[in-house]
Amino acid sequence: MEGEFLIPIFVVSVLFIGLPWIIFHYITKWKTAATLTNEDENLLDELHDVARRLDERMCTIERILQAENPNWRSIACDPADLSLEDRGAGTLGTRSNQPERRL
């Protein structure tokens, strides 16, 4: 008689206490893990400033090169022209990581 009384109490306590506790526990864990900390935000701001300064430097370098040699872009190596395919019959089997220069 006593065993029949304990089983429903156990099932009800697991359903109404244990299961919600587990669900709410993991919901709070997911919410805290998905947010950025102040340290992360400061790092992102710093990286954004560094990227902006590097972009400004590249623009300055390009202006200097343009003033010295107006068609420097046609002489420079264009990464879009580089490929992994062989460039001719003489280069079969030999590949280099150095760009091919055309003058």
N, C-alpha and C. Protein backbone atom coordinates (compact mmCIF):
# COMPACT_ATOMS: atom_id res chain seq x y z
N MET A 1 0.80 -1.17 0.00
CA MET A 1 0.00 0.00 0.00
C MET A 1 0.86 1.27 0.00
N GLU A 2 1.95 1.19 0.76
CA GLU A 2 2.81 2.36 0.87
C GLU A 2 3.54 2.64 -0.44
N GLY A 3 3.93 1.64 -1.20
CA GLY A 3 4.62 1.79 -2.47
C GLY A 3 3.75 2.45 -3.52
N GLU A 4 2.46 2.14 -3.49
CA GLU A 4 1.54 2.75 -4.44
C GLU A 4 1.36 4.23 -4.17
N PHE A 5 1.57 4.67 -2.96
CA PHE A 5 1.40 6.07 -2.59
C PHE A 5 2.66 6.89 -2.94
N LEU A 6 3.86 6.27 -2.89
CA LEU A 6 5.11 6.98 -3.14
C LEU A 6 5.38 7.22 -4.63
N ILE A 7 4.95 6.33 -5.47
CA ILE A 7 5.22 6.46 -6.91
C ILE A 7 4.54 7.71 -7.48
N PRO A 8 3.28 7.97 -7.25
CA PRO A 8 2.67 9.20 -7.80
C PRO A 8 3.30 10.47 -7.22
N ILE A 9 3.69 10.47 -5.95
CA ILE A 9 4.34 11.64 -5.36
C ILE A 9 5.68 11.88 -6.05
N PHE A 10 6.43 10.83 -6.30
CA PHE A 10 7.72 10.96 -6.99
C PHE A 10 7.54 11.50 -8.40
N VAL A 11 6.57 10.95 -9.14
CA VAL A 11 6.34 11.37 -10.53
C VAL A 11 5.90 12.83 -10.57
N VAL A 12 4.99 13.22 -9.69
CA VAL A 12 4.51 14.60 -9.67
C VAL A 12 5.63 15.56 -9.29
N SER A 13 6.48 15.19 -8.33
CA SER A 13 7.58 16.07 -7.94
C SER A 13 8.61 16.19 -9.07
N VAL A 14 8.86 15.13 -9.79
CA VAL A 14 9.80 15.21 -10.91
C VAL A 14 9.22 16.10 -12.02
N LEU A 15 7.93 15.96 -12.33
CA LEU A 15 7.32 16.74 -13.39
C LEU A 15 7.20 18.23 -13.05
N PHE A 16 6.84 18.54 -11.81
CA PHE A 16 6.57 19.93 -11.47
C PHE A 16 7.71 20.65 -10.78
N ILE A 17 8.72 19.93 -10.33
CA ILE A 17 9.87 20.58 -9.69
C ILE A 17 11.15 20.32 -10.47
N GLY A 18 11.47 19.08 -10.73
CA GLY A 18 12.74 18.73 -11.37
C GLY A 18 12.84 19.18 -12.82
N LEU A 19 11.84 18.90 -13.61
CA LEU A 19 11.87 19.25 -15.03
C LEU A 19 11.92 20.78 -15.25
N PRO A 20 11.07 21.56 -14.59
CA PRO A 20 11.20 23.03 -14.76
C PRO A 20 12.54 23.57 -14.27
N TRP A 21 13.07 22.99 -13.19
CA TRP A 21 14.36 23.45 -12.69
C TRP A 21 15.45 23.23 -13.74
N ILE A 22 15.46 22.08 -14.38
CA ILE A 22 16.45 21.80 -15.42
C ILE A 22 16.27 22.74 -16.61
N ILE A 23 15.04 22.95 -17.04
CA ILE A 23 14.78 23.83 -18.19
C ILE A 23 15.23 25.25 -17.89
N PHE A 24 14.83 25.80 -16.74
CA PHE A 24 15.22 27.17 -16.40
C PHE A 24 16.71 27.30 -16.16
N HIS A 25 17.34 26.27 -15.65
CA HIS A 25 18.79 26.30 -15.44
C HIS A 25 19.51 26.48 -16.78
N TYR A 26 19.14 25.69 -17.78
CA TYR A 26 19.82 25.78 -19.06
C TYR A 26 19.42 27.02 -19.85
N ILE A 27 18.22 27.54 -19.66
CA ILE A 27 17.84 28.80 -20.31
C ILE A 27 18.73 29.92 -19.80
N THR A 28 18.96 29.99 -18.51
CA THR A 28 19.83 31.04 -17.97
C THR A 28 21.27 30.84 -18.42
N LYS A 29 21.73 29.62 -18.55
CA LYS A 29 23.09 29.37 -19.06
C LYS A 29 23.22 29.85 -20.50
N TRP A 30 22.23 29.58 -21.33
CA TRP A 30 22.29 29.98 -22.73
C TRP A 30 22.25 31.51 -22.86
N LYS A 31 21.46 32.16 -22.04
CA LYS A 31 21.36 33.63 -22.11
C LYS A 31 22.67 34.30 -21.69
N THR A 32 23.33 33.78 -20.68
CA THR A 32 24.59 34.40 -20.25
C THR A 32 25.72 34.10 -21.22
N ALA A 33 25.70 32.96 -21.88
CA ALA A 33 26.78 32.61 -22.81
C ALA A 33 26.67 33.36 -24.13
N ALA A 34 25.51 33.85 -24.49
CA ALA A 34 25.31 34.47 -25.79
C ALA A 34 25.61 35.97 -25.79
N THR A 35 25.92 36.55 -24.66
CA THR A 35 26.13 37.99 -24.62
C THR A 35 27.61 38.33 -24.69
N LEU A 36 27.90 39.55 -25.17
CA LEU A 36 29.26 40.05 -25.21
C LEU A 36 29.58 40.73 -23.88
N THR A 37 30.77 40.51 -23.41
CA THR A 37 31.19 41.18 -22.19
C THR A 37 31.75 42.55 -22.54
N ASN A 38 31.97 43.38 -21.54
CA ASN A 38 32.56 44.70 -21.77
C ASN A 38 33.95 44.56 -22.37
N GLU A 39 34.67 43.54 -21.94
CA GLU A 39 36.02 43.30 -22.49
C GLU A 39 35.95 42.98 -23.98
N ASP A 40 34.96 42.16 -24.37
CA ASP A 40 34.78 41.83 -25.79
C ASP A 40 34.43 43.06 -26.60
N GLU A 41 33.55 43.92 -26.07
CA GLU A 41 33.16 45.13 -26.78
C GLU A 41 34.35 46.07 -26.94
N ASN A 42 35.18 46.19 -25.90
CA ASN A 42 36.37 47.03 -25.99
C ASN A 42 37.34 46.49 -27.03
N LEU A 43 37.50 45.17 -27.08
CA LEU A 43 38.38 44.56 -28.07
C LEU A 43 37.87 44.81 -29.49
N LEU A 44 36.55 44.69 -29.70
CA LEU A 44 35.98 44.95 -31.02
C LEU A 44 36.18 46.41 -31.42
N ASP A 45 36.00 47.32 -30.48
CA ASP A 45 36.24 48.74 -30.78
C ASP A 45 37.69 48.99 -31.16
N GLU A 46 38.60 48.37 -30.42
CA GLU A 46 40.02 48.54 -30.72
C GLU A 46 40.37 47.97 -32.09
N LEU A 47 39.84 46.80 -32.41
CA LEU A 47 40.10 46.19 -33.72
C LEU A 47 39.51 47.04 -34.85
N HIS A 48 38.36 47.64 -34.61
CA HIS A 48 37.76 48.52 -35.61
C HIS A 48 38.64 49.74 -35.85
N ASP A 49 39.18 50.32 -34.79
CA ASP A 49 40.07 51.47 -34.94
C ASP A 49 41.34 51.09 -35.70
N VAL A 50 41.90 49.93 -35.39
CA VAL A 50 43.11 49.47 -36.08
C VAL A 50 42.82 49.26 -37.57
N ALA A 51 41.69 48.65 -37.88
CA ALA A 51 41.33 48.41 -39.28
C ALA A 51 41.12 49.73 -40.02
N ARG A 52 40.50 50.70 -39.37
CA ARG A 52 40.28 52.00 -39.99
C ARG A 52 41.62 52.70 -40.27
N ARG A 53 42.56 52.64 -39.29
CA ARG A 53 43.86 53.26 -39.49
C ARG A 53 44.64 52.58 -40.61
N LEU A 54 44.56 51.25 -40.68
CA LEU A 54 45.24 50.52 -41.76
C LEU A 54 44.65 50.89 -43.12
N ASP A 55 43.34 51.06 -43.18
CA ASP A 55 42.70 51.46 -44.43
C ASP A 55 43.16 52.85 -44.84
N GLU A 56 43.27 53.76 -43.89
CA GLU A 56 43.77 55.10 -44.19
C GLU A 56 45.21 55.04 -44.69
N ARG A 57 46.02 54.19 -44.09
CA ARG A 57 47.41 54.06 -44.53
C ARG A 57 47.48 53.52 -45.95
N MET A 58 46.64 52.53 -46.26
CA MET A 58 46.64 51.97 -47.62
C MET A 58 46.23 53.04 -48.63
N CYS A 59 45.27 53.86 -48.28
CA CYS A 59 44.85 54.94 -49.19
C CYS A 59 46.00 55.92 -49.41
N THR A 60 46.73 56.22 -48.34
CA THR A 60 47.86 57.13 -48.46
C THR A 60 48.94 56.55 -49.35
N ILE A 61 49.24 55.27 -49.16
CA ILE A 61 50.26 54.60 -49.98
C ILE A 61 49.83 54.59 -51.45
N GLU A 62 48.55 54.29 -51.70
CA GLU A 62 48.07 54.27 -53.08
C GLU A 62 48.14 55.66 -53.72
N ARG A 63 47.86 56.72 -52.96
CA ARG A 63 47.98 58.08 -53.50
C ARG A 63 49.42 58.41 -53.83
N ILE A 64 50.36 58.00 -52.97
CA ILE A 64 51.78 58.25 -53.22
C ILE A 64 52.23 57.51 -54.48
N LEU A 65 51.85 56.23 -54.58
CA LEU A 65 52.22 55.45 -55.76
C LEU A 65 51.59 56.03 -57.02
N GLN A 66 50.37 56.49 -56.93
CA GLN A 66 49.69 57.08 -58.09
C GLN A 66 50.40 58.36 -58.53
N ALA A 67 50.89 59.14 -57.57
CA ALA A 67 51.60 60.37 -57.92
C ALA A 67 52.94 60.07 -58.57
N GLU A 68 53.61 59.00 -58.12
CA GLU A 68 54.93 58.66 -58.67
C GLU A 68 54.83 57.96 -60.01
N ASN A 69 53.87 57.06 -60.14
CA ASN A 69 53.73 56.28 -61.37
C ASN A 69 52.24 56.06 -61.62
N PRO A 70 51.64 56.79 -62.56
CA PRO A 70 50.19 56.71 -62.76
C PRO A 70 49.66 55.33 -63.13
N ASN A 71 50.44 54.49 -63.77
CA ASN A 71 49.95 53.15 -64.12
C ASN A 71 50.66 52.07 -63.31
N TRP A 72 50.81 52.31 -62.02
CA TRP A 72 51.45 51.33 -61.15
C TRP A 72 50.59 50.09 -60.96
N ARG A 73 49.29 50.25 -61.09
CA ARG A 73 48.41 49.08 -60.90
C ARG A 73 48.61 48.03 -61.98
N SER A 74 48.91 48.45 -63.19
CA SER A 74 49.12 47.47 -64.26
C SER A 74 50.44 46.73 -64.09
N ILE A 75 51.39 47.32 -63.36
CA ILE A 75 52.68 46.68 -63.13
C ILE A 75 52.61 45.77 -61.90
N ALA A 76 51.80 46.15 -60.93
CA ALA A 76 51.72 45.40 -59.66
C ALA A 76 51.07 44.05 -59.87
N CYS A 77 51.27 43.19 -58.92
CA CYS A 77 50.69 41.85 -58.94
C CYS A 77 49.23 41.94 -58.52
N ASP A 78 48.35 41.45 -59.36
CA ASP A 78 46.93 41.42 -59.04
C ASP A 78 46.60 40.03 -58.51
N PRO A 79 46.14 39.91 -57.24
CA PRO A 79 45.84 38.58 -56.69
C PRO A 79 44.77 37.84 -57.47
N ALA A 80 43.91 38.56 -58.20
CA ALA A 80 42.88 37.89 -58.98
C ALA A 80 43.48 37.15 -60.16
N ASP A 81 44.64 37.60 -60.64
CA ASP A 81 45.28 36.93 -61.77
C ASP A 81 45.98 35.64 -61.36
N LEU A 82 46.32 35.53 -60.08
CA LEU A 82 47.02 34.33 -59.62
C LEU A 82 46.03 33.19 -59.50
N SER A 83 46.43 32.01 -59.93
CA SER A 83 45.56 30.84 -59.81
C SER A 83 46.43 29.62 -59.59
N LEU A 84 45.79 28.53 -59.28
CA LEU A 84 46.52 27.28 -59.05
C LEU A 84 46.74 26.50 -60.33
N GLU A 85 46.16 26.98 -61.42
CA GLU A 85 46.33 26.28 -62.69
C GLU A 85 47.71 26.55 -63.26
N ASP A 86 48.18 25.62 -64.07
CA ASP A 86 49.47 25.82 -64.73
C ASP A 86 49.35 26.96 -65.73
N ARG A 87 50.41 27.71 -65.89
CA ARG A 87 50.37 28.89 -66.75
C ARG A 87 50.96 28.63 -68.13
N GLY A 88 51.45 27.48 -68.34
CA GLY A 88 52.00 27.19 -69.67
C GLY A 88 52.63 25.82 -69.66
N ALA A 89 53.06 25.40 -70.84
CA ALA A 89 53.64 24.06 -70.95
C ALA A 89 54.97 23.97 -70.22
N GLY A 90 55.71 25.06 -70.13
CA GLY A 90 57.02 25.03 -69.49
C GLY A 90 56.96 24.96 -67.98
N THR A 91 55.82 25.20 -67.38
CA THR A 91 55.72 25.19 -65.93
C THR A 91 55.00 23.96 -65.40
N LEU A 92 54.82 22.97 -66.24
CA LEU A 92 54.11 21.77 -65.84
C LEU A 92 54.85 21.09 -64.69
N GLY A 93 54.16 20.88 -63.59
CA GLY A 93 54.75 20.18 -62.45
C GLY A 93 55.51 21.10 -61.51
N THR A 94 55.80 22.33 -61.90
CA THR A 94 56.50 23.25 -61.01
C THR A 94 55.59 24.41 -60.70
N ARG A 95 55.32 24.57 -59.43
CA ARG A 95 54.48 25.68 -59.01
C ARG A 95 55.24 26.47 -57.96
N SER A 96 55.03 27.74 -57.99
CA SER A 96 55.70 28.62 -57.06
C SER A 96 54.66 29.50 -56.38
N ASN A 97 54.95 29.89 -55.15
CA ASN A 97 54.04 30.80 -54.48
C ASN A 97 54.37 32.27 -54.80
N GLN A 98 55.36 32.49 -55.63
CA GLN A 98 55.73 33.84 -56.05
C GLN A 98 54.87 34.26 -57.23
N PRO A 99 54.42 35.50 -57.24
CA PRO A 99 53.58 35.94 -58.35
C PRO A 99 54.37 36.07 -59.65
N GLU A 100 53.66 35.87 -60.75
CA GLU A 100 54.29 36.02 -62.05
C GLU A 100 54.28 37.50 -62.40
N ARG A 101 55.43 38.04 -62.73
CA ARG A 101 55.55 39.48 -63.03
C ARG A 101 55.54 39.68 -64.54
N ARG A 102 54.71 40.62 -64.98
CA ARG A 102 54.66 40.97 -66.38
C ARG A 102 54.99 42.44 -66.50
N LEU A 103 55.89 42.78 -67.39
CA LEU A 103 56.27 44.17 -67.59
C LEU A 103 55.79 44.70 -68.91
